[in-house]
Amino acid sequence: GRSIPGFHLRDALDLMVKKHPHLLLRFG
């Protein structure tokens, strides 16, 4: 993934995992 200023991509993935714990096998 690539992002634009004002949208923290890793933090977005972290939020997604909190909502759906089994969604991502690995991320960083």
mmCIF file of all heavy atoms, coordinates in Angstrom:
data_MODEL
# 
_entry.id   MODEL 
# 
loop_
_atom_site.group_PDB 
_atom_site.id 
_atom_site.type_symbol 
_atom_site.label_atom_id 
_atom_site.label_alt_id 
_atom_site.label_comp_id 
_atom_site.label_asym_id 
_atom_site.label_entity_id 
_atom_site.label_seq_id 
_atom_site.pdbx_PDB_ins_code 
_atom_site.Cartn_x 
_atom_site.Cartn_y 
_atom_site.Cartn_z 
_atom_site.occupancy 
_atom_site.B_iso_or_equiv 
_atom_site.pdbx_formal_charge 
_atom_site.auth_seq_id 
_atom_site.auth_comp_id 
_atom_site.auth_asym_id 
_atom_site.auth_atom_id 
_atom_site.pdbx_PDB_model_num 
ATOM 1   N N   . GLY A 1 1  ? 0.810   -1.216  0.000  1.00 0.00 ? 1  GLY A N   1 
ATOM 2   C CA  . GLY A 1 1  ? 0.000   0.000   0.000  1.00 0.00 ? 1  GLY A CA  1 
ATOM 3   C C   . GLY A 1 1  ? 0.839   1.261   0.000  1.00 0.00 ? 1  GLY A C   1 
ATOM 4   O O   . GLY A 1 1  ? 1.969   1.277   0.496  1.00 0.00 ? 1  GLY A O   1 
ATOM 5   N N   . ARG A 1 2  ? 0.257   2.318   -0.566 1.00 0.00 ? 2  ARG A N   1 
ATOM 6   C CA  . ARG A 1 2  ? 0.866   3.645   -0.533 1.00 0.00 ? 2  ARG A CA  1 
ATOM 7   C C   . ARG A 1 2  ? -0.214  4.641   -0.122 1.00 0.00 ? 2  ARG A C   1 
ATOM 8   O O   . ARG A 1 2  ? -1.392  4.462   -0.462 1.00 0.00 ? 2  ARG A O   1 
ATOM 9   C CB  . ARG A 1 2  ? 1.435   4.030   -1.907 1.00 0.00 ? 2  ARG A CB  1 
ATOM 10  C CG  . ARG A 1 2  ? 2.550   3.116   -2.391 1.00 0.00 ? 2  ARG A CG  1 
ATOM 11  C CD  . ARG A 1 2  ? 3.805   3.232   -1.536 1.00 0.00 ? 2  ARG A CD  1 
ATOM 12  N NE  . ARG A 1 2  ? 4.902   2.431   -2.055 1.00 0.00 ? 2  ARG A NE  1 
ATOM 13  C CZ  . ARG A 1 2  ? 5.139   1.166   -1.697 1.00 0.00 ? 2  ARG A CZ  1 
ATOM 14  N NH1 . ARG A 1 2  ? 4.336   0.552   -0.835 1.00 0.00 ? 2  ARG A NH1 1 
ATOM 15  N NH2 . ARG A 1 2  ? 6.171   0.519   -2.202 1.00 0.00 ? 2  ARG A NH2 1 
ATOM 16  N N   . SER A 1 3  ? 0.205   5.694   0.567  1.00 0.00 ? 3  SER A N   1 
ATOM 17  C CA  . SER A 1 3  ? -0.790  6.614   1.114  1.00 0.00 ? 3  SER A CA  1 
ATOM 18  C C   . SER A 1 3  ? -0.523  8.049   0.691  1.00 0.00 ? 3  SER A C   1 
ATOM 19  O O   . SER A 1 3  ? 0.443   8.354   -0.001 1.00 0.00 ? 3  SER A O   1 
ATOM 20  C CB  . SER A 1 3  ? -0.821  6.507   2.636  1.00 0.00 ? 3  SER A CB  1 
ATOM 21  O OG  . SER A 1 3  ? -1.970  7.158   3.152  1.00 0.00 ? 3  SER A OG  1 
ATOM 22  N N   . ILE A 1 4  ? -1.417  8.929   1.125  1.00 0.00 ? 4  ILE A N   1 
ATOM 23  C CA  . ILE A 1 4  ? -1.318  10.369  0.864  1.00 0.00 ? 4  ILE A CA  1 
ATOM 24  C C   . ILE A 1 4  ? -1.119  11.067  2.205  1.00 0.00 ? 4  ILE A C   1 
ATOM 25  O O   . ILE A 1 4  ? -1.434  10.506  3.263  1.00 0.00 ? 4  ILE A O   1 
ATOM 26  C CB  . ILE A 1 4  ? -2.594  10.898  0.165  1.00 0.00 ? 4  ILE A CB  1 
ATOM 27  C CG1 . ILE A 1 4  ? -3.841  10.642  1.032  1.00 0.00 ? 4  ILE A CG1 1 
ATOM 28  C CG2 . ILE A 1 4  ? -2.757  10.262  -1.206 1.00 0.00 ? 4  ILE A CG2 1 
ATOM 29  C CD1 . ILE A 1 4  ? -5.119  11.240  0.469  1.00 0.00 ? 4  ILE A CD1 1 
ATOM 30  N N   . PRO A 1 5  ? -0.590  12.295  2.203  1.00 0.00 ? 5  PRO A N   1 
ATOM 31  C CA  . PRO A 1 5  ? -0.407  13.015  3.474  1.00 0.00 ? 5  PRO A CA  1 
ATOM 32  C C   . PRO A 1 5  ? -1.719  13.107  4.254  1.00 0.00 ? 5  PRO A C   1 
ATOM 33  O O   . PRO A 1 5  ? -2.777  13.379  3.681  1.00 0.00 ? 5  PRO A O   1 
ATOM 34  C CB  . PRO A 1 5  ? 0.068   14.411  3.021  1.00 0.00 ? 5  PRO A CB  1 
ATOM 35  C CG  . PRO A 1 5  ? 0.720   14.163  1.694  1.00 0.00 ? 5  PRO A CG  1 
ATOM 36  C CD  . PRO A 1 5  ? -0.073  13.071  1.053  1.00 0.00 ? 5  PRO A CD  1 
ATOM 37  N N   . GLY A 1 6  ? -1.633  12.845  5.547  1.00 0.00 ? 6  GLY A N   1 
ATOM 38  C CA  . GLY A 1 6  ? -2.819  12.925  6.390  1.00 0.00 ? 6  GLY A CA  1 
ATOM 39  C C   . GLY A 1 6  ? -3.503  11.600  6.646  1.00 0.00 ? 6  GLY A C   1 
ATOM 40  O O   . GLY A 1 6  ? -4.498  11.539  7.381  1.00 0.00 ? 6  GLY A O   1 
ATOM 41  N N   . PHE A 1 7  ? -2.974  10.515  6.061  1.00 0.00 ? 7  PHE A N   1 
ATOM 42  C CA  . PHE A 1 7  ? -3.573  9.189   6.270  1.00 0.00 ? 7  PHE A CA  1 
ATOM 43  C C   . PHE A 1 7  ? -2.446  8.210   6.566  1.00 0.00 ? 7  PHE A C   1 
ATOM 44  O O   . PHE A 1 7  ? -1.690  7.825   5.685  1.00 0.00 ? 7  PHE A O   1 
ATOM 45  C CB  . PHE A 1 7  ? -4.354  8.743   5.031  1.00 0.00 ? 7  PHE A CB  1 
ATOM 46  C CG  . PHE A 1 7  ? -5.130  7.457   5.220  1.00 0.00 ? 7  PHE A CG  1 
ATOM 47  C CD1 . PHE A 1 7  ? -6.347  7.459   5.885  1.00 0.00 ? 7  PHE A CD1 1 
ATOM 48  C CD2 . PHE A 1 7  ? -4.644  6.253   4.721  1.00 0.00 ? 7  PHE A CD2 1 
ATOM 49  C CE1 . PHE A 1 7  ? -7.067  6.280   6.053  1.00 0.00 ? 7  PHE A CE1 1 
ATOM 50  C CE2 . PHE A 1 7  ? -5.355  5.068   4.886  1.00 0.00 ? 7  PHE A CE2 1 
ATOM 51  C CZ  . PHE A 1 7  ? -6.578  5.087   5.559  1.00 0.00 ? 7  PHE A CZ  1 
ATOM 52  N N   . HIS A 1 8  ? -2.297  7.826   7.851  1.00 0.00 ? 8  HIS A N   1 
ATOM 53  C CA  . HIS A 1 8  ? -1.217  6.950   8.309  1.00 0.00 ? 8  HIS A CA  1 
ATOM 54  C C   . HIS A 1 8  ? -1.588  5.499   7.994  1.00 0.00 ? 8  HIS A C   1 
ATOM 55  O O   . HIS A 1 8  ? -2.480  4.921   8.616  1.00 0.00 ? 8  HIS A O   1 
ATOM 56  C CB  . HIS A 1 8  ? -0.997  7.137   9.808  1.00 0.00 ? 8  HIS A CB  1 
ATOM 57  C CG  . HIS A 1 8  ? 0.291   6.577   10.316 1.00 0.00 ? 8  HIS A CG  1 
ATOM 58  N ND1 . HIS A 1 8  ? 0.605   5.243   10.239 1.00 0.00 ? 8  HIS A ND1 1 
ATOM 59  C CD2 . HIS A 1 8  ? 1.363   7.193   10.903 1.00 0.00 ? 8  HIS A CD2 1 
ATOM 60  C CE1 . HIS A 1 8  ? 1.805   5.040   10.772 1.00 0.00 ? 8  HIS A CE1 1 
ATOM 61  N NE2 . HIS A 1 8  ? 2.287   6.212   11.166 1.00 0.00 ? 8  HIS A NE2 1 
ATOM 62  N N   . LEU A 1 9  ? -0.901  4.927   7.015  1.00 0.00 ? 9  LEU A N   1 
ATOM 63  C CA  . LEU A 1 9  ? -1.318  3.634   6.486  1.00 0.00 ? 9  LEU A CA  1 
ATOM 64  C C   . LEU A 1 9  ? -1.161  2.497   7.498  1.00 0.00 ? 9  LEU A C   1 
ATOM 65  O O   . LEU A 1 9  ? -2.046  1.653   7.633  1.00 0.00 ? 9  LEU A O   1 
ATOM 66  C CB  . LEU A 1 9  ? -0.513  3.318   5.216  1.00 0.00 ? 9  LEU A CB  1 
ATOM 67  C CG  . LEU A 1 9  ? -1.162  2.366   4.208  1.00 0.00 ? 9  LEU A CG  1 
ATOM 68  C CD1 . LEU A 1 9  ? -2.568  2.812   3.841  1.00 0.00 ? 9  LEU A CD1 1 
ATOM 69  C CD2 . LEU A 1 9  ? -0.309  2.284   2.941  1.00 0.00 ? 9  LEU A CD2 1 
ATOM 70  N N   . ARG A 1 10 ? -0.036  2.488   8.224  1.00 0.00 ? 10 ARG A N   1 
ATOM 71  C CA  . ARG A 1 10 ? 0.140   1.400   9.187  1.00 0.00 ? 10 ARG A CA  1 
ATOM 72  C C   . ARG A 1 10 ? -0.901  1.499   10.313 1.00 0.00 ? 10 ARG A C   1 
ATOM 73  O O   . ARG A 1 10 ? -1.452  0.484   10.751 1.00 0.00 ? 10 ARG A O   1 
ATOM 74  C CB  . ARG A 1 10 ? 1.550   1.425   9.787  1.00 0.00 ? 10 ARG A CB  1 
ATOM 75  C CG  . ARG A 1 10 ? 1.832   0.172   10.637 1.00 0.00 ? 10 ARG A CG  1 
ATOM 76  C CD  . ARG A 1 10 ? 3.049   0.334   11.544 1.00 0.00 ? 10 ARG A CD  1 
ATOM 77  N NE  . ARG A 1 10 ? 3.184   -0.815  12.402 1.00 0.00 ? 10 ARG A NE  1 
ATOM 78  C CZ  . ARG A 1 10 ? 2.493   -1.004  13.522 1.00 0.00 ? 10 ARG A CZ  1 
ATOM 79  N NH1 . ARG A 1 10 ? 1.577   -0.112  13.894 1.00 0.00 ? 10 ARG A NH1 1 
ATOM 80  N NH2 . ARG A 1 10 ? 2.690   -2.083  14.267 1.00 0.00 ? 10 ARG A NH2 1 
ATOM 81  N N   . ASP A 1 11 ? -1.187  2.718   10.760 1.00 0.00 ? 11 ASP A N   1 
ATOM 82  C CA  . ASP A 1 11 ? -2.205  2.900   11.796 1.00 0.00 ? 11 ASP A CA  1 
ATOM 83  C C   . ASP A 1 11 ? -3.579  2.468   11.280 1.00 0.00 ? 11 ASP A C   1 
ATOM 84  O O   . ASP A 1 11 ? -4.397  1.925   12.036 1.00 0.00 ? 11 ASP A O   1 
ATOM 85  C CB  . ASP A 1 11 ? -2.258  4.364   12.240 1.00 0.00 ? 11 ASP A CB  1 
ATOM 86  C CG  . ASP A 1 11 ? -1.062  4.750   13.106 1.00 0.00 ? 11 ASP A CG  1 
ATOM 87  O OD1 . ASP A 1 11 ? -0.239  3.864   13.406 1.00 0.00 ? 11 ASP A OD1 1 
ATOM 88  O OD2 . ASP A 1 11 ? -0.955  5.939   13.467 1.00 0.00 ? 11 ASP A OD2 1 
ATOM 89  N N   . ALA A 1 12 ? -3.838  2.719   9.988  1.00 0.00 ? 12 ALA A N   1 
ATOM 90  C CA  . ALA A 1 12 ? -5.110  2.290   9.394  1.00 0.00 ? 12 ALA A CA  1 
ATOM 91  C C   . ALA A 1 12 ? -5.231  0.769   9.434  1.00 0.00 ? 12 ALA A C   1 
ATOM 92  O O   . ALA A 1 12 ? -6.297  0.222   9.765  1.00 0.00 ? 12 ALA A O   1 
ATOM 93  C CB  . ALA A 1 12 ? -5.217  2.795   7.960  1.00 0.00 ? 12 ALA A CB  1 
ATOM 94  N N   . LEU A 1 13 ? -4.149  0.072   9.097  1.00 0.00 ? 13 LEU A N   1 
ATOM 95  C CA  . LEU A 1 13 ? -4.161  -1.398  9.160  1.00 0.00 ? 13 LEU A CA  1 
ATOM 96  C C   . LEU A 1 13 ? -4.378  -1.874  10.592 1.00 0.00 ? 13 LEU A C   1 
ATOM 97  O O   . LEU A 1 13 ? -5.093  -2.856  10.838 1.00 0.00 ? 13 LEU A O   1 
ATOM 98  C CB  . LEU A 1 13 ? -2.848  -1.963  8.604  1.00 0.00 ? 13 LEU A CB  1 
ATOM 99  C CG  . LEU A 1 13 ? -2.609  -1.779  7.097  1.00 0.00 ? 13 LEU A CG  1 
ATOM 100 C CD1 . LEU A 1 13 ? -1.230  -2.303  6.718  1.00 0.00 ? 13 LEU A CD1 1 
ATOM 101 C CD2 . LEU A 1 13 ? -3.681  -2.481  6.269  1.00 0.00 ? 13 LEU A CD2 1 
ATOM 102 N N   . ASP A 1 14 ? -3.768  -1.167  11.536 1.00 0.00 ? 14 ASP A N   1 
ATOM 103 C CA  . ASP A 1 14 ? -3.927  -1.517  12.953 1.00 0.00 ? 14 ASP A CA  1 
ATOM 104 C C   . ASP A 1 14 ? -5.393  -1.380  13.377 1.00 0.00 ? 14 ASP A C   1 
ATOM 105 O O   . ASP A 1 14 ? -5.934  -2.236  14.102 1.00 0.00 ? 14 ASP A O   1 
ATOM 106 C CB  . ASP A 1 14 ? -3.034  -0.594  13.788 1.00 0.00 ? 14 ASP A CB  1 
ATOM 107 C CG  . ASP A 1 14 ? -2.709  -1.180  15.146 1.00 0.00 ? 14 ASP A CG  1 
ATOM 108 O OD1 . ASP A 1 14 ? -2.545  -2.410  15.236 1.00 0.00 ? 14 ASP A OD1 1 
ATOM 109 O OD2 . ASP A 1 14 ? -2.627  -0.408  16.121 1.00 0.00 ? 14 ASP A OD2 1 
ATOM 110 N N   . LEU A 1 15 ? -6.047  -0.323  12.922 1.00 0.00 ? 15 LEU A N   1 
ATOM 111 C CA  . LEU A 1 15 ? -7.476  -0.138  13.211 1.00 0.00 ? 15 LEU A CA  1 
ATOM 112 C C   . LEU A 1 15 ? -8.317  -1.268  12.616 1.00 0.00 ? 15 LEU A C   1 
ATOM 113 O O   . LEU A 1 15 ? -9.261  -1.764  13.237 1.00 0.00 ? 15 LEU A O   1 
ATOM 114 C CB  . LEU A 1 15 ? -7.955  1.200   12.637 1.00 0.00 ? 15 LEU A CB  1 
ATOM 115 C CG  . LEU A 1 15 ? -7.755  2.456   13.481 1.00 0.00 ? 15 LEU A CG  1 
ATOM 116 C CD1 . LEU A 1 15 ? -8.167  3.682   12.677 1.00 0.00 ? 15 LEU A CD1 1 
ATOM 117 C CD2 . LEU A 1 15 ? -8.560  2.374   14.774 1.00 0.00 ? 15 LEU A CD2 1 
ATOM 118 N N   . MET A 1 16 ? -7.958  -1.666  11.395 1.00 0.00 ? 16 MET A N   1 
ATOM 119 C CA  . MET A 1 16 ? -8.692  -2.734  10.719 1.00 0.00 ? 16 MET A CA  1 
ATOM 120 C C   . MET A 1 16 ? -8.571  -4.051  11.476 1.00 0.00 ? 16 MET A C   1 
ATOM 121 O O   . MET A 1 16 ? -9.542  -4.809  11.603 1.00 0.00 ? 16 MET A O   1 
ATOM 122 C CB  . MET A 1 16 ? -8.186  -2.881  9.279  1.00 0.00 ? 16 MET A CB  1 
ATOM 123 C CG  . MET A 1 16 ? -8.553  -1.691  8.390  1.00 0.00 ? 16 MET A CG  1 
ATOM 124 S SD  . MET A 1 16 ? -7.553  -1.544  6.889  1.00 0.00 ? 16 MET A SD  1 
ATOM 125 C CE  . MET A 1 16 ? -8.071  -3.007  5.986  1.00 0.00 ? 16 MET A CE  1 
ATOM 126 N N   . VAL A 1 17 ? -7.370  -4.314  12.015 1.00 0.00 ? 17 VAL A N   1 
ATOM 127 C CA  . VAL A 1 17 ? -7.152  -5.549  12.783 1.00 0.00 ? 17 VAL A CA  1 
ATOM 128 C C   . VAL A 1 17 ? -7.953  -5.528  14.082 1.00 0.00 ? 17 VAL A C   1 
ATOM 129 O O   . VAL A 1 17 ? -8.483  -6.554  14.517 1.00 0.00 ? 17 VAL A O   1 
ATOM 130 C CB  . VAL A 1 17 ? -5.645  -5.738  13.075 1.00 0.00 ? 17 VAL A CB  1 
ATOM 131 C CG1 . VAL A 1 17 ? -5.420  -6.815  14.115 1.00 0.00 ? 17 VAL A CG1 1 
ATOM 132 C CG2 . VAL A 1 17 ? -4.911  -6.117  11.800 1.00 0.00 ? 17 VAL A CG2 1 
ATOM 133 N N   . LYS A 1 18 ? -8.068  -4.348  14.681 1.00 0.00 ? 18 LYS A N   1 
ATOM 134 C CA  . LYS A 1 18 ? -8.837  -4.252  15.926 1.00 0.00 ? 18 LYS A CA  1 
ATOM 135 C C   . LYS A 1 18 ? -10.316 -4.557  15.675 1.00 0.00 ? 18 LYS A C   1 
ATOM 136 O O   . LYS A 1 18 ? -10.995 -5.155  16.518 1.00 0.00 ? 18 LYS A O   1 
ATOM 137 C CB  . LYS A 1 18 ? -8.677  -2.860  16.534 1.00 0.00 ? 18 LYS A CB  1 
ATOM 138 C CG  . LYS A 1 18 ? -7.310  -2.640  17.196 1.00 0.00 ? 18 LYS A CG  1 
ATOM 139 C CD  . LYS A 1 18 ? -7.202  -1.246  17.791 1.00 0.00 ? 18 LYS A CD  1 
ATOM 140 C CE  . LYS A 1 18 ? -5.949  -1.097  18.649 1.00 0.00 ? 18 LYS A CE  1 
ATOM 141 N NZ  . LYS A 1 18 ? -4.698  -1.256  17.910 1.00 0.00 ? 18 LYS A NZ  1 
ATOM 142 N N   . LYS A 1 19 ? -10.820 -4.159  14.502 1.00 0.00 ? 19 LYS A N   1 
ATOM 143 C CA  . LYS A 1 19 ? -12.218 -4.439  14.170 1.00 0.00 ? 19 LYS A CA  1 
ATOM 144 C C   . LYS A 1 19 ? -12.412 -5.883  13.726 1.00 0.00 ? 19 LYS A C   1 
ATOM 145 O O   . LYS A 1 19 ? -13.440 -6.500  13.981 1.00 0.00 ? 19 LYS A O   1 
ATOM 146 C CB  . LYS A 1 19 ? -12.691 -3.488  13.057 1.00 0.00 ? 19 LYS A CB  1 
ATOM 147 C CG  . LYS A 1 19 ? -12.790 -2.029  13.475 1.00 0.00 ? 19 LYS A CG  1 
ATOM 148 C CD  . LYS A 1 19 ? -13.352 -1.175  12.346 1.00 0.00 ? 19 LYS A CD  1 
ATOM 149 C CE  . LYS A 1 19 ? -13.488 0.269   12.772 1.00 0.00 ? 19 LYS A CE  1 
ATOM 150 N NZ  . LYS A 1 19 ? -14.082 1.125   11.720 1.00 0.00 ? 19 LYS A NZ  1 
ATOM 151 N N   . HIS A 1 20 ? -11.420 -6.406  12.998 1.00 0.00 ? 20 HIS A N   1 
ATOM 152 C CA  . HIS A 1 20 ? -11.513 -7.774  12.455 1.00 0.00 ? 20 HIS A CA  1 
ATOM 153 C C   . HIS A 1 20 ? -10.192 -8.492  12.751 1.00 0.00 ? 20 HIS A C   1 
ATOM 154 O O   . HIS A 1 20 ? -9.286  -8.508  11.910 1.00 0.00 ? 20 HIS A O   1 
ATOM 155 C CB  . HIS A 1 20 ? -11.782 -7.737  10.948 1.00 0.00 ? 20 HIS A CB  1 
ATOM 156 C CG  . HIS A 1 20 ? -13.012 -6.978  10.569 1.00 0.00 ? 20 HIS A CG  1 
ATOM 157 N ND1 . HIS A 1 20 ? -14.279 -7.525  10.626 1.00 0.00 ? 20 HIS A ND1 1 
ATOM 158 C CD2 . HIS A 1 20 ? -13.173 -5.690  10.137 1.00 0.00 ? 20 HIS A CD2 1 
ATOM 159 C CE1 . HIS A 1 20 ? -15.166 -6.616  10.235 1.00 0.00 ? 20 HIS A CE1 1 
ATOM 160 N NE2 . HIS A 1 20 ? -14.519 -5.504  9.942  1.00 0.00 ? 20 HIS A NE2 1 
ATOM 161 N N   . PRO A 1 21 ? -10.055 -9.085  13.934 1.00 0.00 ? 21 PRO A N   1 
ATOM 162 C CA  . PRO A 1 21 ? -8.773  -9.642  14.383 1.00 0.00 ? 21 PRO A CA  1 
ATOM 163 C C   . PRO A 1 21 ? -8.142  -10.678 13.438 1.00 0.00 ? 21 PRO A C   1 
ATOM 164 O O   . PRO A 1 21 ? -6.928  -10.855 13.454 1.00 0.00 ? 21 PRO A O   1 
ATOM 165 C CB  . PRO A 1 21 ? -9.119  -10.268 15.740 1.00 0.00 ? 21 PRO A CB  1 
ATOM 166 C CG  . PRO A 1 21 ? -10.321 -9.509  16.208 1.00 0.00 ? 21 PRO A CG  1 
ATOM 167 C CD  . PRO A 1 21 ? -11.095 -9.179  14.977 1.00 0.00 ? 21 PRO A CD  1 
ATOM 168 N N   . HIS A 1 22 ? -8.957  -11.353 12.645 1.00 0.00 ? 22 HIS A N   1 
ATOM 169 C CA  . HIS A 1 22 ? -8.408  -12.399 11.781 1.00 0.00 ? 22 HIS A CA  1 
ATOM 170 C C   . HIS A 1 22 ? -8.245  -11.950 10.323 1.00 0.00 ? 22 HIS A C   1 
ATOM 171 O O   . HIS A 1 22 ? -7.949  -12.773 9.450  1.00 0.00 ? 22 HIS A O   1 
ATOM 172 C CB  . HIS A 1 22 ? -9.306  -13.645 11.835 1.00 0.00 ? 22 HIS A CB  1 
ATOM 173 C CG  . HIS A 1 22 ? -9.508  -14.166 13.226 1.00 0.00 ? 22 HIS A CG  1 
ATOM 174 N ND1 . HIS A 1 22 ? -8.469  -14.678 13.985 1.00 0.00 ? 22 HIS A ND1 1 
ATOM 175 C CD2 . HIS A 1 22 ? -10.619 -14.227 14.023 1.00 0.00 ? 22 HIS A CD2 1 
ATOM 176 C CE1 . HIS A 1 22 ? -8.930  -15.043 15.166 1.00 0.00 ? 22 HIS A CE1 1 
ATOM 177 N NE2 . HIS A 1 22 ? -10.227 -14.777 15.223 1.00 0.00 ? 22 HIS A NE2 1 
ATOM 178 N N   . LEU A 1 23 ? -8.424  -10.646 10.093 1.00 0.00 ? 23 LEU A N   1 
ATOM 179 C CA  . LEU A 1 23 ? -8.383  -10.152 8.719  1.00 0.00 ? 23 LEU A CA  1 
ATOM 180 C C   . LEU A 1 23 ? -6.977  -10.225 8.117  1.00 0.00 ? 23 LEU A C   1 
ATOM 181 O O   . LEU A 1 23 ? -6.792  -10.658 6.980  1.00 0.00 ? 23 LEU A O   1 
ATOM 182 C CB  . LEU A 1 23 ? -8.894  -8.706  8.668  1.00 0.00 ? 23 LEU A CB  1 
ATOM 183 C CG  . LEU A 1 23 ? -8.823  -7.989  7.313  1.00 0.00 ? 23 LEU A CG  1 
ATOM 184 C CD1 . LEU A 1 23 ? -9.639  -8.737  6.262  1.00 0.00 ? 23 LEU A CD1 1 
ATOM 185 C CD2 . LEU A 1 23 ? -9.318  -6.553  7.440  1.00 0.00 ? 23 LEU A CD2 1 
ATOM 186 N N   . LEU A 1 24 ? -5.985  -9.797  8.889  1.00 0.00 ? 24 LEU A N   1 
ATOM 187 C CA  . LEU A 1 24 ? -4.612  -9.732  8.378  1.00 0.00 ? 24 LEU A CA  1 
ATOM 188 C C   . LEU A 1 24 ? -3.768  -10.848 8.989  1.00 0.00 ? 24 LEU A C   1 
ATOM 189 O O   . LEU A 1 24 ? -3.715  -10.997 10.210 1.00 0.00 ? 24 LEU A O   1 
ATOM 190 C CB  . LEU A 1 24 ? -3.973  -8.380  8.698  1.00 0.00 ? 24 LEU A CB  1 
ATOM 191 C CG  . LEU A 1 24 ? -4.728  -7.136  8.217  1.00 0.00 ? 24 LEU A CG  1 
ATOM 192 C CD1 . LEU A 1 24 ? -3.949  -5.877  8.598  1.00 0.00 ? 24 LEU A CD1 1 
ATOM 193 C CD2 . LEU A 1 24 ? -4.949  -7.170  6.713  1.00 0.00 ? 24 LEU A CD2 1 
ATOM 194 N N   . LEU A 1 25 ? -3.106  -11.613 8.137  1.00 0.00 ? 25 LEU A N   1 
ATOM 195 C CA  . LEU A 1 25 ? -2.187  -12.633 8.629  1.00 0.00 ? 25 LEU A CA  1 
ATOM 196 C C   . LEU A 1 25 ? -0.907  -11.978 9.138  1.00 0.00 ? 25 LEU A C   1 
ATOM 197 O O   . LEU A 1 25 ? -0.344  -12.386 10.155 1.00 0.00 ? 25 LEU A O   1 
ATOM 198 C CB  . LEU A 1 25 ? -1.850  -13.630 7.512  1.00 0.00 ? 25 LEU A CB  1 
ATOM 199 C CG  . LEU A 1 25 ? -3.038  -14.416 6.934  1.00 0.00 ? 25 LEU A CG  1 
ATOM 200 C CD1 . LEU A 1 25 ? -2.596  -15.250 5.738  1.00 0.00 ? 25 LEU A CD1 1 
ATOM 201 C CD2 . LEU A 1 25 ? -3.638  -15.308 8.019  1.00 0.00 ? 25 LEU A CD2 1 
ATOM 202 N N   . ARG A 1 26 ? -0.442  -10.972 8.396  1.00 0.00 ? 26 ARG A N   1 
ATOM 203 C CA  . ARG A 1 26 ? 0.760   -10.219 8.776  1.00 0.00 ? 26 ARG A CA  1 
ATOM 204 C C   . ARG A 1 26 ? 0.624   -8.811  8.223  1.00 0.00 ? 26 ARG A C   1 
ATOM 205 O O   . ARG A 1 26 ? 0.011   -8.608  7.179  1.00 0.00 ? 26 ARG A O   1 
ATOM 206 C CB  . ARG A 1 26 ? 2.034   -10.851 8.177  1.00 0.00 ? 26 ARG A CB  1 
ATOM 207 C CG  . ARG A 1 26 ? 2.421   -12.188 8.779  1.00 0.00 ? 26 ARG A CG  1 
ATOM 208 C CD  . ARG A 1 26 ? 3.584   -12.816 8.051  1.00 0.00 ? 26 ARG A CD  1 
ATOM 209 N NE  . ARG A 1 26 ? 3.283   -13.203 6.684  1.00 0.00 ? 26 ARG A NE  1 
ATOM 210 C CZ  . ARG A 1 26 ? 2.616   -14.313 6.359  1.00 0.00 ? 26 ARG A CZ  1 
ATOM 211 N NH1 . ARG A 1 26 ? 2.173   -15.119 7.291  1.00 0.00 ? 26 ARG A NH1 1 
ATOM 212 N NH2 . ARG A 1 26 ? 2.389   -14.599 5.085  1.00 0.00 ? 26 ARG A NH2 1 
ATOM 213 N N   . PHE A 1 27 ? 1.212   -7.837  8.921  1.00 0.00 ? 27 PHE A N   1 
ATOM 214 C CA  . PHE A 1 27 ? 1.236   -6.479  8.378  1.00 0.00 ? 27 PHE A CA  1 
ATOM 215 C C   . PHE A 1 27 ? 2.344   -5.686  9.047  1.00 0.00 ? 27 PHE A C   1 
ATOM 216 O O   . PHE A 1 27 ? 2.841   -6.040  10.113 1.00 0.00 ? 27 PHE A O   1 
ATOM 217 C CB  . PHE A 1 27 ? -0.115  -5.777  8.540  1.00 0.00 ? 27 PHE A CB  1 
ATOM 218 C CG  . PHE A 1 27 ? -0.413  -5.273  9.938  1.00 0.00 ? 27 PHE A CG  1 
ATOM 219 C CD1 . PHE A 1 27 ? -0.173  -3.947  10.283 1.00 0.00 ? 27 PHE A CD1 1 
ATOM 220 C CD2 . PHE A 1 27 ? -0.955  -6.121  10.906 1.00 0.00 ? 27 PHE A CD2 1 
ATOM 221 C CE1 . PHE A 1 27 ? -0.454  -3.483  11.556 1.00 0.00 ? 27 PHE A CE1 1 
ATOM 222 C CE2 . PHE A 1 27 ? -1.236  -5.663  12.179 1.00 0.00 ? 27 PHE A CE2 1 
ATOM 223 C CZ  . PHE A 1 27 ? -0.987  -4.337  12.509 1.00 0.00 ? 27 PHE A CZ  1 
ATOM 224 N N   . GLY A 1 28 ? 2.732   -4.577  8.405  1.00 0.00 ? 28 GLY A N   1 
ATOM 225 C CA  . GLY A 1 28 ? 3.750   -3.693  8.962  1.00 0.00 ? 28 GLY A CA  1 
ATOM 226 C C   . GLY A 1 28 ? 3.991   -2.538  8.018  1.00 0.00 ? 28 GLY A C   1 
ATOM 227 O O   . GLY A 1 28 ? 3.431   -2.498  6.921  1.00 0.00 ? 28 GLY A O   1 
# 
